[in-house]
Amino acid sequence: MSLVEDFQSLSKEIPHLVENFADYIDVTPQIKYAVATIAFNPIFWNIVARLEYNTHILTKIAGGARRGCYLLAFTIFSLGIYRDHIYHDALLAQPTFAPFVESTLVKALAVLSFGFGNLLVITSMYSLGVTGTYLGDYFGILMDERVTGFPFNINDNPMYNGSTLCFLGTALWYGKPTGIVVTAFVFVMYRIGLFFEEPFTAQIYAKREKERLQKSQ
């Protein structure tokens, strides 16, 4: 099948999917748990990071700010791996929209989405380093200046948006409409997380600048 024929075939099938979308969503205990793990992660790291900022609990437990940040990084990373595993298994048990699986265009879009998403995640981690990626500023480990190189020069939140694209790519690859809904939920959860994170992080750096200004006078 040529790409043109593939596109024409998809165009005919998409209305059916839209009209019968609910038939491709199976609200199983598995998918509920997957959604719960997705919601838990940003809630967890925001609460723990704020607790660390106010009490230095992880710094005390680990014996230093940097070690405390590494402990949080390991925890967040491990929770992310577990979340992805749960999502993957729950997704495979969901109803499949066959035209997506059979479409070369959808497969290509899935690979592009997953690949670009991972590129954003990996390059942002490389640019920020462990402490920059995993909330080091809540531990008092502040960056000297704002990172403006790739991927931050094309996207303000490449870690979150890249992760969202990975969820979408996985859903498209397996032809699972449920995964598209879950991806939308991931996007919303990250937006909520940013609503709390960005102002607080800005406050941390503003406080540092104020202290620097006071010292210089």
N, C-alpha and C. Protein backbone atom coordinates (compact mmCIF):
# COMPACT_ATOMS: atom_id res chain seq x y z
N MET A 1 0.85 -1.20 0.00
CA MET A 1 0.00 0.00 0.00
C MET A 1 0.88 1.25 0.00
N SER A 2 0.59 2.17 -0.90
CA SER A 2 1.37 3.40 -0.98
C SER A 2 0.97 4.32 0.17
N LEU A 3 1.78 5.35 0.40
CA LEU A 3 1.49 6.29 1.48
C LEU A 3 0.17 7.03 1.24
N VAL A 4 -0.09 7.33 -0.04
CA VAL A 4 -1.34 8.02 -0.39
C VAL A 4 -2.53 7.12 -0.07
N GLU A 5 -2.43 5.86 -0.44
CA GLU A 5 -3.50 4.90 -0.17
C GLU A 5 -3.66 4.70 1.34
N ASP A 6 -2.52 4.67 2.03
CA ASP A 6 -2.53 4.53 3.48
C ASP A 6 -3.29 5.70 4.12
N PHE A 7 -2.98 6.90 3.66
CA PHE A 7 -3.64 8.10 4.20
C PHE A 7 -5.14 8.08 3.88
N GLN A 8 -5.49 7.70 2.68
CA GLN A 8 -6.90 7.65 2.29
C GLN A 8 -7.66 6.62 3.12
N SER A 9 -7.02 5.49 3.37
CA SER A 9 -7.65 4.44 4.18
C SER A 9 -7.88 4.93 5.60
N LEU A 10 -6.87 5.61 6.16
CA LEU A 10 -7.00 6.15 7.52
C LEU A 10 -8.11 7.19 7.59
N SER A 11 -8.20 8.02 6.56
CA SER A 11 -9.21 9.07 6.53
C SER A 11 -10.62 8.49 6.59
N LYS A 12 -10.78 7.31 6.00
CA LYS A 12 -12.09 6.67 6.02
C LYS A 12 -12.38 6.02 7.38
N GLU A 13 -11.33 5.58 8.07
CA GLU A 13 -11.51 4.85 9.33
C GLU A 13 -11.60 5.76 10.55
N ILE A 14 -10.98 6.93 10.48
CA ILE A 14 -10.95 7.83 11.64
C ILE A 14 -12.36 8.22 12.11
N PRO A 15 -13.29 8.56 11.20
CA PRO A 15 -14.64 8.89 11.67
C PRO A 15 -15.27 7.76 12.49
N HIS A 16 -15.01 6.51 12.08
CA HIS A 16 -15.52 5.36 12.84
C HIS A 16 -14.95 5.35 14.24
N LEU A 17 -13.66 5.62 14.35
CA LEU A 17 -13.02 5.66 15.65
C LEU A 17 -13.62 6.75 16.53
N VAL A 18 -13.83 7.92 15.95
CA VAL A 18 -14.38 9.04 16.71
C VAL A 18 -15.79 8.72 17.20
N GLU A 19 -16.61 8.15 16.31
CA GLU A 19 -17.99 7.84 16.65
C GLU A 19 -18.12 6.73 17.69
N ASN A 20 -17.16 5.81 17.67
CA ASN A 20 -17.23 4.66 18.56
C ASN A 20 -16.06 4.61 19.54
N PHE A 21 -15.56 5.79 19.89
CA PHE A 21 -14.34 5.87 20.70
C PHE A 21 -14.48 5.12 22.03
N ALA A 22 -15.66 5.21 22.63
CA ALA A 22 -15.87 4.56 23.94
C ALA A 22 -15.71 3.05 23.85
N ASP A 23 -15.95 2.47 22.67
CA ASP A 23 -15.81 1.02 22.51
C ASP A 23 -14.35 0.57 22.59
N TYR A 24 -13.43 1.52 22.41
CA TYR A 24 -12.01 1.19 22.44
C TYR A 24 -11.35 1.54 23.78
N ILE A 25 -12.19 1.90 24.75
CA ILE A 25 -11.69 2.22 26.09
C ILE A 25 -12.24 1.21 27.08
N ASP A 26 -11.37 0.46 27.68
CA ASP A 26 -11.78 -0.54 28.68
C ASP A 26 -11.19 -0.13 30.03
N VAL A 27 -12.06 0.37 30.92
CA VAL A 27 -11.59 0.88 32.20
C VAL A 27 -11.36 -0.29 33.17
N THR A 28 -10.24 -0.95 32.99
CA THR A 28 -9.88 -2.10 33.81
C THR A 28 -9.12 -1.66 35.07
N PRO A 29 -9.02 -2.52 36.07
CA PRO A 29 -8.20 -2.20 37.24
C PRO A 29 -6.75 -1.89 36.85
N GLN A 30 -6.26 -2.57 35.81
CA GLN A 30 -4.89 -2.34 35.34
C GLN A 30 -4.69 -0.91 34.88
N ILE A 31 -5.62 -0.44 34.04
CA ILE A 31 -5.45 0.91 33.49
C ILE A 31 -5.69 1.95 34.57
N LYS A 32 -6.57 1.66 35.51
CA LYS A 32 -6.78 2.58 36.64
C LYS A 32 -5.50 2.71 37.46
N TYR A 33 -4.84 1.58 37.66
CA TYR A 33 -3.60 1.61 38.44
C TYR A 33 -2.50 2.35 37.67
N ALA A 34 -2.47 2.16 36.36
CA ALA A 34 -1.49 2.86 35.53
C ALA A 34 -1.70 4.37 35.64
N VAL A 35 -2.95 4.81 35.57
CA VAL A 35 -3.26 6.23 35.70
C VAL A 35 -2.88 6.73 37.09
N ALA A 36 -3.09 5.89 38.10
CA ALA A 36 -2.74 6.27 39.47
C ALA A 36 -1.24 6.48 39.61
N THR A 37 -0.44 5.60 39.00
CA THR A 37 1.02 5.76 39.08
C THR A 37 1.47 7.02 38.34
N ILE A 38 0.79 7.33 37.24
CA ILE A 38 1.12 8.55 36.48
C ILE A 38 0.83 9.78 37.32
N ALA A 39 -0.30 9.77 38.02
CA ALA A 39 -0.67 10.91 38.86
C ALA A 39 0.24 11.00 40.09
N PHE A 40 0.62 9.85 40.62
CA PHE A 40 1.41 9.83 41.86
C PHE A 40 2.77 10.49 41.70
N ASN A 41 3.44 10.21 40.60
CA ASN A 41 4.84 10.64 40.48
C ASN A 41 5.06 12.14 40.64
N PRO A 42 4.39 13.01 39.85
CA PRO A 42 4.63 14.45 40.03
C PRO A 42 4.15 14.96 41.39
N ILE A 43 3.08 14.35 41.92
CA ILE A 43 2.61 14.75 43.24
C ILE A 43 3.67 14.41 44.28
N PHE A 44 4.24 13.21 44.16
CA PHE A 44 5.26 12.75 45.10
C PHE A 44 6.47 13.66 45.10
N TRP A 45 7.03 13.92 43.90
CA TRP A 45 8.29 14.68 43.90
C TRP A 45 8.08 16.14 44.27
N ASN A 46 6.91 16.68 44.00
CA ASN A 46 6.65 18.06 44.44
C ASN A 46 6.53 18.14 45.96
N ILE A 47 5.84 17.18 46.57
CA ILE A 47 5.69 17.18 48.03
C ILE A 47 7.04 16.96 48.71
N VAL A 48 7.79 15.97 48.24
CA VAL A 48 9.09 15.66 48.85
C VAL A 48 10.07 16.80 48.67
N ALA A 49 10.07 17.41 47.49
CA ALA A 49 10.98 18.53 47.23
C ALA A 49 10.67 19.72 48.13
N ARG A 50 9.39 20.03 48.30
CA ARG A 50 9.00 21.12 49.20
C ARG A 50 9.38 20.79 50.64
N LEU A 51 9.19 19.54 51.01
CA LEU A 51 9.55 19.10 52.37
C LEU A 51 11.05 19.25 52.58
N GLU A 52 11.83 18.88 51.57
CA GLU A 52 13.28 19.03 51.66
C GLU A 52 13.66 20.50 51.80
N TYR A 53 13.04 21.35 51.01
CA TYR A 53 13.36 22.78 51.05
C TYR A 53 13.10 23.38 52.42
N ASN A 54 12.01 22.93 53.03
CA ASN A 54 11.60 23.51 54.32
C ASN A 54 12.26 22.85 55.53
N THR A 55 12.61 21.56 55.41
CA THR A 55 13.13 20.84 56.58
C THR A 55 14.52 20.24 56.37
N HIS A 56 14.94 20.15 55.09
CA HIS A 56 16.23 19.50 54.74
C HIS A 56 16.27 18.04 55.19
N ILE A 57 15.12 17.39 55.12
CA ILE A 57 15.02 16.02 55.62
C ILE A 57 15.90 15.04 54.83
N LEU A 58 15.92 15.16 53.50
CA LEU A 58 16.73 14.25 52.70
C LEU A 58 18.22 14.54 52.87
N THR A 59 18.53 15.81 53.02
CA THR A 59 19.92 16.21 53.27
C THR A 59 20.42 15.57 54.56
N LYS A 60 19.59 15.58 55.59
CA LYS A 60 19.96 14.99 56.88
C LYS A 60 20.06 13.48 56.78
N ILE A 61 19.11 12.85 56.09
CA ILE A 61 19.12 11.39 55.96
C ILE A 61 20.33 10.91 55.18
N ALA A 62 20.63 11.61 54.07
CA ALA A 62 21.72 11.17 53.19
C ALA A 62 23.09 11.68 53.61
N GLY A 63 23.11 12.64 54.51
CA GLY A 63 24.39 13.17 54.96
C GLY A 63 24.98 14.21 54.03
N GLY A 64 24.15 15.06 53.47
CA GLY A 64 24.62 16.12 52.58
C GLY A 64 23.59 16.44 51.52
N ALA A 65 23.61 17.67 51.04
CA ALA A 65 22.62 18.12 50.06
C ALA A 65 22.74 17.36 48.74
N ARG A 66 23.96 17.20 48.27
CA ARG A 66 24.15 16.52 46.98
C ARG A 66 23.74 15.05 47.07
N ARG A 67 24.11 14.41 48.17
CA ARG A 67 23.70 13.02 48.35
C ARG A 67 22.19 12.91 48.47
N GLY A 68 21.57 13.86 49.15
CA GLY A 68 20.12 13.88 49.27
C GLY A 68 19.45 14.03 47.92
N CYS A 69 20.02 14.87 47.07
CA CYS A 69 19.48 15.07 45.72
C CYS A 69 19.62 13.80 44.90
N TYR A 70 20.77 13.12 45.04
CA TYR A 70 20.98 11.86 44.32
C TYR A 70 19.98 10.80 44.80
N LEU A 71 19.68 10.81 46.08
CA LEU A 71 18.70 9.87 46.62
C LEU A 71 17.33 10.13 46.01
N LEU A 72 16.94 11.39 45.93
CA LEU A 72 15.67 11.74 45.32
C LEU A 72 15.67 11.40 43.83
N ALA A 73 16.80 11.65 43.17
CA ALA A 73 16.92 11.35 41.74
C ALA A 73 16.72 9.86 41.50
N PHE A 74 17.37 9.04 42.31
CA PHE A 74 17.24 7.57 42.16
C PHE A 74 15.79 7.15 42.38
N THR A 75 15.14 7.75 43.36
CA THR A 75 13.76 7.40 43.67
C THR A 75 12.82 7.79 42.54
N ILE A 76 12.98 9.02 42.03
CA ILE A 76 12.12 9.50 40.95
C ILE A 76 12.34 8.66 39.69
N PHE A 77 13.60 8.37 39.39
CA PHE A 77 13.92 7.58 38.19
C PHE A 77 13.32 6.18 38.30
N SER A 78 13.45 5.57 39.48
CA SER A 78 12.90 4.22 39.69
C SER A 78 11.38 4.22 39.58
N LEU A 79 10.74 5.23 40.15
CA LEU A 79 9.29 5.34 40.05
C LEU A 79 8.85 5.52 38.60
N GLY A 80 9.66 6.25 37.82
CA GLY A 80 9.35 6.44 36.41
C GLY A 80 9.43 5.15 35.62
N ILE A 81 10.46 4.34 35.90
CA ILE A 81 10.59 3.04 35.23
C ILE A 81 9.41 2.15 35.58
N TYR A 82 9.04 2.15 36.85
CA TYR A 82 7.92 1.33 37.30
C TYR A 82 6.62 1.79 36.64
N ARG A 83 6.41 3.11 36.60
CA ARG A 83 5.22 3.68 35.95
C ARG A 83 5.13 3.27 34.49
N ASP A 84 6.25 3.36 33.78
CA ASP A 84 6.26 3.01 32.36
C ASP A 84 5.95 1.53 32.15
N HIS A 85 6.47 0.69 33.04
CA HIS A 85 6.21 -0.76 32.95
C HIS A 85 4.72 -1.04 33.16
N ILE A 86 4.13 -0.40 34.15
CA ILE A 86 2.70 -0.60 34.44
C ILE A 86 1.85 -0.10 33.27
N TYR A 87 2.21 1.06 32.74
CA TYR A 87 1.48 1.63 31.60
C TYR A 87 1.55 0.71 30.39
N HIS A 88 2.73 0.21 30.10
CA HIS A 88 2.94 -0.67 28.94
C HIS A 88 2.09 -1.93 29.04
N ASP A 89 2.12 -2.58 30.19
CA ASP A 89 1.35 -3.82 30.36
C ASP A 89 -0.15 -3.57 30.32
N ALA A 90 -0.58 -2.47 30.95
CA ALA A 90 -2.01 -2.14 30.96
C ALA A 90 -2.49 -1.80 29.55
N LEU A 91 -1.62 -1.14 28.79
CA LEU A 91 -1.97 -0.72 27.44
C LEU A 91 -2.17 -1.93 26.52
N LEU A 92 -1.31 -2.92 26.66
CA LEU A 92 -1.40 -4.10 25.80
C LEU A 92 -2.72 -4.84 25.97
N ALA A 93 -3.34 -4.72 27.14
CA ALA A 93 -4.61 -5.41 27.41
C ALA A 93 -5.81 -4.62 26.92
N GLN A 94 -5.59 -3.41 26.40
CA GLN A 94 -6.68 -2.56 25.93
C GLN A 94 -7.09 -2.91 24.50
N PRO A 95 -8.33 -2.55 24.11
CA PRO A 95 -8.78 -2.79 22.73
C PRO A 95 -7.89 -2.10 21.71
N THR A 96 -7.70 -2.76 20.59
CA THR A 96 -6.83 -2.24 19.53
C THR A 96 -7.65 -1.71 18.37
N PHE A 97 -7.25 -0.55 17.87
CA PHE A 97 -7.85 0.00 16.66
C PHE A 97 -6.99 -0.46 15.49
N ALA A 98 -7.44 -1.51 14.81
CA ALA A 98 -6.63 -2.20 13.80
C ALA A 98 -6.04 -1.29 12.72
N PRO A 99 -6.80 -0.31 12.19
CA PRO A 99 -6.22 0.56 11.14
C PRO A 99 -4.93 1.26 11.57
N PHE A 100 -4.81 1.57 12.86
CA PHE A 100 -3.57 2.19 13.34
C PHE A 100 -2.40 1.21 13.24
N VAL A 101 -2.64 -0.02 13.63
CA VAL A 101 -1.59 -1.04 13.62
C VAL A 101 -1.15 -1.35 12.20
N GLU A 102 -2.10 -1.32 11.28
CA GLU A 102 -1.82 -1.68 9.89
C GLU A 102 -1.25 -0.51 9.07
N SER A 103 -1.28 0.69 9.64
CA SER A 103 -0.88 1.89 8.89
C SER A 103 0.61 2.19 9.02
N THR A 104 1.27 2.32 7.90
CA THR A 104 2.68 2.70 7.89
C THR A 104 2.85 4.13 8.39
N LEU A 105 1.91 4.99 8.06
CA LEU A 105 1.97 6.38 8.49
C LEU A 105 1.89 6.50 10.01
N VAL A 106 0.98 5.74 10.60
CA VAL A 106 0.83 5.79 12.06
C VAL A 106 2.06 5.21 12.73
N LYS A 107 2.60 4.14 12.17
CA LYS A 107 3.82 3.55 12.73
C LYS A 107 4.97 4.56 12.67
N ALA A 108 5.06 5.27 11.55
CA ALA A 108 6.12 6.27 11.40
C ALA A 108 5.92 7.40 12.40
N LEU A 109 4.67 7.82 12.58
CA LEU A 109 4.37 8.88 13.54
C LEU A 109 4.69 8.42 14.96
N ALA A 110 4.43 7.15 15.24
CA ALA A 110 4.73 6.59 16.56
C ALA A 110 6.24 6.61 16.83
N VAL A 111 7.01 6.19 15.83
CA VAL A 111 8.47 6.17 15.98
C VAL A 111 9.01 7.60 16.13
N LEU A 112 8.48 8.51 15.32
CA LEU A 112 8.90 9.91 15.39
C LEU A 112 8.58 10.50 16.76
N SER A 113 7.37 10.26 17.24
CA SER A 113 6.94 10.79 18.53
C SER A 113 7.80 10.23 19.66
N PHE A 114 7.98 8.91 19.66
CA PHE A 114 8.77 8.27 20.73
C PHE A 114 10.24 8.68 20.65
N GLY A 115 10.77 8.71 19.42
CA GLY A 115 12.18 9.07 19.25
C GLY A 115 12.47 10.51 19.62
N PHE A 116 11.63 11.43 19.14
CA PHE A 116 11.85 12.85 19.45
C PHE A 116 11.61 13.10 20.94
N GLY A 117 10.63 12.41 21.50
CA GLY A 117 10.37 12.55 22.93
C GLY A 117 11.57 12.14 23.75
N ASN A 118 12.17 11.01 23.40
CA ASN A 118 13.37 10.56 24.12
C ASN A 118 14.54 11.50 23.90
N LEU A 119 14.63 12.06 22.70
CA LEU A 119 15.70 13.01 22.43
C LEU A 119 15.58 14.23 23.34
N LEU A 120 14.36 14.73 23.50
CA LEU A 120 14.14 15.88 24.39
C LEU A 120 14.50 15.53 25.83
N VAL A 121 14.08 14.36 26.27
CA VAL A 121 14.35 13.95 27.66
C VAL A 121 15.84 13.78 27.90
N ILE A 122 16.52 13.04 27.03
CA ILE A 122 17.93 12.72 27.23
C ILE A 122 18.80 13.97 27.13
N THR A 123 18.54 14.82 26.12
CA THR A 123 19.38 16.02 25.96
C THR A 123 19.13 17.04 27.08
N SER A 124 17.90 17.11 27.58
CA SER A 124 17.65 18.03 28.68
C SER A 124 18.34 17.54 29.95
N MET A 125 18.34 16.22 30.17
CA MET A 125 19.05 15.66 31.32
C MET A 125 20.55 15.93 31.20
N TYR A 126 21.07 15.79 29.99
CA TYR A 126 22.50 16.03 29.76
C TYR A 126 22.85 17.49 30.03
N SER A 127 21.99 18.39 29.58
CA SER A 127 22.24 19.82 29.74
C SER A 127 22.14 20.26 31.20
N LEU A 128 21.20 19.67 31.93
CA LEU A 128 20.97 20.09 33.32
C LEU A 128 21.83 19.34 34.33
N GLY A 129 22.24 18.13 33.97
CA GLY A 129 22.95 17.31 34.94
C GLY A 129 21.97 16.68 35.93
N VAL A 130 22.48 15.84 36.80
CA VAL A 130 21.60 15.13 37.74
C VAL A 130 20.90 16.11 38.67
N THR A 131 21.65 17.02 39.27
CA THR A 131 21.04 17.93 40.25
C THR A 131 20.11 18.94 39.59
N GLY A 132 20.42 19.35 38.38
CA GLY A 132 19.54 20.27 37.67
C GLY A 132 18.25 19.61 37.23
N THR A 133 18.36 18.33 36.89
CA THR A 133 17.18 17.58 36.44
C THR A 133 16.27 17.22 37.61
N TYR A 134 16.88 16.79 38.68
CA TYR A 134 16.11 16.24 39.79
C TYR A 134 16.04 17.19 40.99
N LEU A 135 15.58 18.41 40.71
CA LEU A 135 15.18 19.36 41.75
C LEU A 135 16.29 19.73 42.72
N GLY A 136 17.49 19.84 42.20
CA GLY A 136 18.61 20.21 43.06
C GLY A 136 18.46 21.58 43.69
N ASP A 137 17.71 22.47 43.03
CA ASP A 137 17.54 23.82 43.59
C ASP A 137 16.79 23.80 44.92
N TYR A 138 15.98 22.77 45.14
CA TYR A 138 15.29 22.64 46.43
C TYR A 138 16.26 22.23 47.54
N PHE A 139 17.41 21.73 47.13
CA PHE A 139 18.45 21.34 48.08
C PHE A 139 19.48 22.44 48.26
N GLY A 140 19.27 23.56 47.59
CA GLY A 140 20.23 24.64 47.65
C GLY A 140 21.34 24.51 46.62
N ILE A 141 21.21 23.54 45.71
CA ILE A 141 22.21 23.35 44.65
C ILE A 141 21.69 24.09 43.41
N LEU A 142 22.07 25.34 43.30
CA LEU A 142 21.53 26.19 42.24
C LEU A 142 22.48 26.26 41.04
N MET A 143 21.91 26.42 39.87
CA MET A 143 22.71 26.55 38.66
C MET A 143 23.22 27.98 38.55
N ASP A 144 24.40 28.13 37.93
CA ASP A 144 25.00 29.45 37.81
C ASP A 144 24.19 30.36 36.90
N GLU A 145 23.62 29.78 35.86
CA GLU A 145 22.83 30.57 34.93
C GLU A 145 21.80 29.68 34.24
N ARG A 146 20.82 30.28 33.65
CA ARG A 146 19.76 29.55 32.97
C ARG A 146 20.31 28.81 31.75
N VAL A 147 19.91 27.56 31.57
CA VAL A 147 20.33 26.78 30.41
C VAL A 147 19.48 27.20 29.21
N THR A 148 20.15 27.62 28.15
CA THR A 148 19.43 28.12 26.97
C THR A 148 19.73 27.33 25.70
N GLY A 149 20.66 26.36 25.79
CA GLY A 149 20.99 25.55 24.61
C GLY A 149 19.93 24.50 24.34
N PHE A 150 20.18 23.68 23.32
CA PHE A 150 19.25 22.61 22.97
C PHE A 150 19.10 21.65 24.13
N PRO A 151 17.88 21.22 24.43
CA PRO A 151 16.61 21.46 23.74
C PRO A 151 15.81 22.64 24.29
N PHE A 152 16.41 23.39 25.22
CA PHE A 152 15.67 24.50 25.85
C PHE A 152 15.49 25.68 24.92
N ASN A 153 16.24 25.69 23.82
CA ASN A 153 16.06 26.77 22.85
C ASN A 153 14.88 26.52 21.91
N ILE A 154 14.29 25.32 21.99
CA ILE A 154 13.11 25.04 21.15
C ILE A 154 11.89 24.67 22.00
N ASN A 155 12.11 24.44 23.29
CA ASN A 155 11.00 24.04 24.15
C ASN A 155 11.30 24.42 25.59
N ASP A 156 10.34 25.01 26.26
CA ASP A 156 10.56 25.46 27.64
C ASP A 156 10.61 24.31 28.65
N ASN A 157 9.88 23.24 28.36
CA ASN A 157 9.81 22.11 29.29
C ASN A 157 10.05 20.79 28.56
N PRO A 158 11.27 20.61 28.03
CA PRO A 158 11.54 19.43 27.19
C PRO A 158 11.43 18.11 27.94
N MET A 159 11.72 18.10 29.23
CA MET A 159 11.63 16.85 29.99
C MET A 159 10.18 16.37 30.04
N TYR A 160 9.28 17.25 30.41
CA TYR A 160 7.88 16.88 30.53
C TYR A 160 7.24 16.64 29.16
N ASN A 161 7.50 17.51 28.22
CA ASN A 161 6.91 17.36 26.90
C ASN A 161 7.47 16.14 26.18
N GLY A 162 8.75 15.87 26.40
CA GLY A 162 9.36 14.68 25.80
C GLY A 162 8.75 13.40 26.36
N SER A 163 8.54 13.38 27.65
CA SER A 163 7.92 12.22 28.28
C SER A 163 6.50 12.02 27.76
N THR A 164 5.76 13.11 27.59
CA THR A 164 4.40 13.02 27.05
C THR A 164 4.41 12.44 25.65
N LEU A 165 5.37 12.85 24.83
CA LEU A 165 5.48 12.33 23.47
C LEU A 165 5.79 10.83 23.47
N CYS A 166 6.55 10.38 24.46
CA CYS A 166 6.86 8.95 24.56
C CYS A 166 5.59 8.14 24.86
N PHE A 167 4.75 8.67 25.72
CA PHE A 167 3.47 8.01 26.00
C PHE A 167 2.63 7.93 24.73
N LEU A 168 2.60 9.03 23.99
CA LEU A 168 1.82 9.07 22.75
C LEU A 168 2.37 8.09 21.73
N GLY A 169 3.68 8.07 21.57
CA GLY A 169 4.30 7.16 20.61
C GLY A 169 4.00 5.71 20.91
N THR A 170 4.03 5.35 22.17
CA THR A 170 3.71 3.98 22.58
C THR A 170 2.26 3.64 22.25
N ALA A 171 1.35 4.57 22.54
CA ALA A 171 -0.07 4.35 22.25
C ALA A 171 -0.31 4.14 20.75
N LEU A 172 0.33 4.97 19.92
CA LEU A 172 0.15 4.86 18.48
C LEU A 172 0.76 3.58 17.93
N TRP A 173 1.91 3.20 18.45
CA TRP A 173 2.60 2.00 17.97
C TRP A 173 1.74 0.75 18.15
N TYR A 174 1.09 0.67 19.30
CA TYR A 174 0.25 -0.50 19.58
C TYR A 174 -1.20 -0.31 19.12
N GLY A 175 -1.51 0.87 18.58
CA GLY A 175 -2.86 1.11 18.09
C GLY A 175 -3.91 1.13 19.18
N LYS A 176 -3.59 1.75 20.30
CA LYS A 176 -4.47 1.74 21.47
C LYS A 176 -5.05 3.14 21.73
N PRO A 177 -6.32 3.36 21.40
CA PRO A 177 -6.95 4.65 21.69
C PRO A 177 -6.90 5.01 23.17
N THR A 178 -6.96 4.00 24.04
CA THR A 178 -6.87 4.28 25.48
C THR A 178 -5.57 5.01 25.79
N GLY A 179 -4.51 4.64 25.10
CA GLY A 179 -3.22 5.29 25.33
C GLY A 179 -3.23 6.76 24.97
N ILE A 180 -4.04 7.13 23.98
CA ILE A 180 -4.15 8.54 23.61
C ILE A 180 -4.82 9.32 24.74
N VAL A 181 -5.84 8.71 25.34
CA VAL A 181 -6.51 9.35 26.48
C VAL A 181 -5.55 9.48 27.65
N VAL A 182 -4.78 8.43 27.92
CA VAL A 182 -3.82 8.46 29.02
C VAL A 182 -2.75 9.52 28.75
N THR A 183 -2.33 9.65 27.50
CA THR A 183 -1.35 10.68 27.13
C THR A 183 -1.87 12.07 27.46
N ALA A 184 -3.16 12.31 27.18
CA ALA A 184 -3.76 13.60 27.52
C ALA A 184 -3.73 13.83 29.02
N PHE A 185 -3.95 12.76 29.77
CA PHE A 185 -3.90 12.85 31.23
C PHE A 185 -2.48 13.17 31.70
N VAL A 186 -1.48 12.54 31.07
CA VAL A 186 -0.08 12.82 31.39
C VAL A 186 0.22 14.30 31.16
N PHE A 187 -0.23 14.81 30.03
CA PHE A 187 -0.01 16.22 29.70
C PHE A 187 -0.61 17.13 30.77
N VAL A 188 -1.84 16.83 31.18
CA VAL A 188 -2.51 17.64 32.20
C VAL A 188 -1.77 17.57 33.54
N MET A 189 -1.34 16.38 33.93
CA MET A 189 -0.63 16.23 35.21
C MET A 189 0.68 17.02 35.21
N TYR A 190 1.39 17.01 34.09
CA TYR A 190 2.64 17.77 34.02
C TYR A 190 2.37 19.28 34.04
N ARG A 191 1.27 19.70 33.43
CA ARG A 191 0.91 21.12 33.48
C ARG A 191 0.59 21.54 34.92
N ILE A 192 -0.10 20.67 35.63
CA ILE A 192 -0.41 20.95 37.04
C ILE A 192 0.88 21.02 37.85
N GLY A 193 1.79 20.06 37.58
CA GLY A 193 3.07 20.06 38.27
C GLY A 193 3.84 21.35 38.03
N LEU A 194 3.85 21.81 36.78
CA LEU A 194 4.55 23.05 36.45
C LEU A 194 3.92 24.26 37.12
N PHE A 195 2.60 24.21 37.31
CA PHE A 195 1.89 25.30 37.98
C PHE A 195 2.45 25.53 39.38
N PHE A 196 2.87 24.44 40.03
CA PHE A 196 3.44 24.56 41.37
C PHE A 196 4.96 24.74 41.33
N GLU A 197 5.62 24.09 40.39
CA GLU A 197 7.08 24.08 40.36
C GLU A 197 7.68 25.40 39.88
N GLU A 198 7.18 25.92 38.77
CA GLU A 198 7.82 27.09 38.15
C GLU A 198 7.84 28.33 39.06
N PRO A 199 6.72 28.70 39.68
CA PRO A 199 6.77 29.87 40.56
C PRO A 199 7.69 29.67 41.76
N PHE A 200 7.69 28.45 42.29
CA PHE A 200 8.51 28.19 43.47
C PHE A 200 9.99 28.21 43.12
N THR A 201 10.33 27.63 41.97
CA THR A 201 11.72 27.66 41.51
C THR A 201 12.16 29.10 41.25
N ALA A 202 11.29 29.88 40.63
CA ALA A 202 11.60 31.30 40.39
C ALA A 202 11.82 32.03 41.70
N GLN A 203 11.05 31.67 42.70
CA GLN A 203 11.20 32.28 44.03
C GLN A 203 12.54 31.94 44.65
N ILE A 204 12.99 30.70 44.47
CA ILE A 204 14.28 30.27 45.00
C ILE A 204 15.42 31.09 44.39
N TYR A 205 15.39 31.26 43.07
CA TYR A 205 16.46 32.00 42.40
C TYR A 205 16.36 33.50 42.67
N ALA A 206 15.14 34.00 42.82
CA ALA A 206 14.98 35.41 43.16
C ALA A 206 15.56 35.69 44.54
N LYS A 207 15.39 34.75 45.45
CA LYS A 207 15.94 34.90 46.80
C LYS A 207 17.46 34.93 46.75
N ARG A 208 18.05 34.06 45.89
CA ARG A 208 19.51 34.07 45.77
C ARG A 208 20.01 35.40 45.22
N GLU A 209 19.33 35.91 44.22
CA GLU A 209 19.75 37.18 43.62
C GLU A 209 19.64 38.32 44.63
N LYS A 210 18.60 38.27 45.45
CA LYS A 210 18.42 39.30 46.48
C LYS A 210 19.56 39.24 47.49
N GLU A 211 19.95 38.02 47.87
CA GLU A 211 21.03 37.85 48.84
C GLU A 211 22.36 38.31 48.23
N ARG A 212 22.56 38.03 46.95
CA ARG A 212 23.80 38.48 46.28
C ARG A 212 23.85 40.00 46.23
N LEU A 213 22.73 40.62 45.96
CA LEU A 213 22.65 42.07 45.87
C LEU A 213 22.96 42.70 47.24
N GLN A 214 22.42 42.11 48.27
CA GLN A 214 22.64 42.63 49.64
C GLN A 214 24.12 42.52 50.02
N LYS A 215 24.77 41.42 49.61
CA LYS A 215 26.18 41.22 49.93
C LYS A 215 27.07 42.20 49.20
N SER A 216 26.64 42.58 48.00
CA SER A 216 27.45 43.46 47.17
C SER A 216 27.35 44.93 47.58
N GLN A 217 26.38 45.24 48.43
CA GLN A 217 26.19 46.63 48.84
C GLN A 217 27.05 46.99 50.05
